Amino acid sequence: MSKKLLKKLKKMLMKEEFKENVFIVTRKQRFNVRNAIKLVKKFYIVARNA
């Protein structure tokens, strides 16, 4: 899912008119993805210990 998204964003980045908008979106997306990964890791550790 994330790889497909990255490919889409890269394609859009190549189009000059979308550059600024995509940059904002990618920054937000990276932040969201990082948070999601952190949450998943936390839940995984809790589930393993339970």
N, C-alpha and C. Protein backbone atom coordinates (compact mmCIF):
# COMPACT_ATOMS: atom_id res chain seq x y z
N MET A 1 0.83 -1.20 0.00
CA MET A 1 0.00 0.00 0.00
C MET A 1 0.87 1.26 0.00
N SER A 2 1.85 1.30 0.91
CA SER A 2 2.71 2.47 1.01
C SER A 2 3.61 2.60 -0.21
N LYS A 3 4.04 1.48 -0.77
CA LYS A 3 4.90 1.53 -1.97
C LYS A 3 4.13 2.10 -3.15
N LYS A 4 2.88 1.67 -3.31
CA LYS A 4 2.05 2.20 -4.39
C LYS A 4 1.87 3.69 -4.23
N LEU A 5 1.64 4.12 -2.98
CA LEU A 5 1.45 5.54 -2.69
C LEU A 5 2.71 6.32 -3.05
N LEU A 6 3.87 5.80 -2.67
CA LEU A 6 5.13 6.47 -2.97
C LEU A 6 5.34 6.60 -4.47
N LYS A 7 5.01 5.54 -5.23
CA LYS A 7 5.15 5.60 -6.68
C LYS A 7 4.27 6.69 -7.26
N LYS A 8 3.03 6.76 -6.77
CA LYS A 8 2.09 7.78 -7.23
C LYS A 8 2.64 9.17 -6.95
N LEU A 9 3.15 9.36 -5.74
CA LEU A 9 3.66 10.66 -5.34
C LEU A 9 4.88 11.04 -6.17
N LYS A 10 5.74 10.07 -6.46
CA LYS A 10 6.92 10.35 -7.28
C LYS A 10 6.51 10.80 -8.68
N LYS A 11 5.51 10.11 -9.25
CA LYS A 11 5.01 10.48 -10.58
C LYS A 11 4.49 11.91 -10.56
N MET A 12 3.74 12.24 -9.50
CA MET A 12 3.16 13.58 -9.38
C MET A 12 4.26 14.62 -9.19
N LEU A 13 5.31 14.26 -8.45
CA LEU A 13 6.41 15.19 -8.21
C LEU A 13 7.09 15.58 -9.52
N MET A 14 7.08 14.69 -10.50
CA MET A 14 7.71 14.97 -11.78
C MET A 14 6.94 16.05 -12.55
N LYS A 15 5.65 16.18 -12.25
CA LYS A 15 4.86 17.23 -12.89
C LYS A 15 5.04 18.51 -12.09
N GLU A 16 5.60 19.53 -12.73
CA GLU A 16 5.96 20.77 -12.03
C GLU A 16 4.78 21.39 -11.30
N GLU A 17 3.59 21.36 -11.91
CA GLU A 17 2.44 22.08 -11.35
C GLU A 17 2.01 21.50 -10.00
N PHE A 18 2.32 20.21 -9.75
CA PHE A 18 1.88 19.56 -8.51
C PHE A 18 2.93 19.61 -7.41
N LYS A 19 4.13 20.07 -7.74
CA LYS A 19 5.27 19.93 -6.81
C LYS A 19 4.96 20.41 -5.40
N GLU A 20 4.48 21.66 -5.27
CA GLU A 20 4.27 22.21 -3.93
C GLU A 20 3.22 21.42 -3.16
N ASN A 21 2.07 21.15 -3.79
CA ASN A 21 0.99 20.43 -3.12
C ASN A 21 1.45 19.05 -2.69
N VAL A 22 2.16 18.35 -3.57
CA VAL A 22 2.60 16.99 -3.28
C VAL A 22 3.61 17.00 -2.13
N PHE A 23 4.47 18.04 -2.12
CA PHE A 23 5.46 18.12 -1.05
C PHE A 23 4.77 18.20 0.31
N ILE A 24 3.73 19.03 0.39
CA ILE A 24 2.97 19.16 1.64
C ILE A 24 2.33 17.82 1.99
N VAL A 25 1.72 17.16 1.00
CA VAL A 25 1.05 15.88 1.21
C VAL A 25 2.05 14.83 1.67
N THR A 26 3.22 14.77 1.02
CA THR A 26 4.21 13.75 1.36
C THR A 26 4.70 13.96 2.79
N ARG A 27 4.89 15.22 3.18
CA ARG A 27 5.35 15.47 4.54
C ARG A 27 4.31 14.99 5.55
N LYS A 28 3.04 15.30 5.29
CA LYS A 28 1.97 14.83 6.18
C LYS A 28 1.90 13.31 6.17
N GLN A 29 2.02 12.72 4.98
CA GLN A 29 1.92 11.28 4.83
C GLN A 29 3.04 10.59 5.60
N ARG A 30 4.25 11.09 5.47
CA ARG A 30 5.38 10.49 6.18
C ARG A 30 5.12 10.51 7.68
N PHE A 31 4.64 11.65 8.16
CA PHE A 31 4.34 11.80 9.58
C PHE A 31 3.31 10.76 10.01
N ASN A 32 2.24 10.63 9.23
CA ASN A 32 1.17 9.68 9.55
C ASN A 32 1.69 8.25 9.50
N VAL A 33 2.49 7.94 8.50
CA VAL A 33 3.02 6.58 8.35
C VAL A 33 3.92 6.24 9.54
N ARG A 34 4.75 7.19 9.93
CA ARG A 34 5.64 6.94 11.08
C ARG A 34 4.84 6.67 12.34
N ASN A 35 3.82 7.49 12.57
CA ASN A 35 2.98 7.29 13.75
C ASN A 35 2.31 5.93 13.71
N ALA A 36 1.81 5.55 12.54
CA ALA A 36 1.13 4.26 12.39
C ALA A 36 2.10 3.12 12.71
N ILE A 37 3.33 3.21 12.21
CA ILE A 37 4.32 2.16 12.44
C ILE A 37 4.63 2.07 13.94
N LYS A 38 4.77 3.24 14.60
CA LYS A 38 5.05 3.24 16.04
C LYS A 38 3.92 2.54 16.79
N LEU A 39 2.68 2.87 16.42
CA LEU A 39 1.52 2.26 17.09
C LEU A 39 1.51 0.76 16.88
N VAL A 40 1.77 0.33 15.64
CA VAL A 40 1.76 -1.10 15.33
C VAL A 40 2.83 -1.82 16.15
N LYS A 41 4.01 -1.22 16.25
CA LYS A 41 5.09 -1.84 17.03
C LYS A 41 4.68 -1.96 18.50
N LYS A 42 4.07 -0.90 19.03
CA LYS A 42 3.62 -0.94 20.43
C LYS A 42 2.64 -2.08 20.64
N PHE A 43 1.64 -2.16 19.75
CA PHE A 43 0.62 -3.20 19.89
C PHE A 43 1.24 -4.59 19.74
N TYR A 44 2.21 -4.71 18.82
CA TYR A 44 2.86 -6.00 18.60
C TYR A 44 3.59 -6.45 19.86
N ILE A 45 4.31 -5.52 20.48
CA ILE A 45 5.06 -5.85 21.70
C ILE A 45 4.10 -6.24 22.81
N VAL A 46 3.02 -5.48 22.97
CA VAL A 46 2.02 -5.78 24.01
C VAL A 46 1.40 -7.15 23.76
N ALA A 47 1.07 -7.44 22.51
CA ALA A 47 0.44 -8.72 22.16
C ALA A 47 1.40 -9.88 22.44
N ARG A 48 2.68 -9.68 22.14
CA ARG A 48 3.68 -10.74 22.37
C ARG A 48 3.85 -11.02 23.85
N ASN A 49 3.85 -9.95 24.65
CA ASN A 49 4.06 -10.11 26.09
C ASN A 49 2.83 -10.67 26.79
N ALA A 50 1.65 -10.46 26.21
CA ALA A 50 0.40 -10.89 26.86
C ALA A 50 0.29 -12.41 26.88
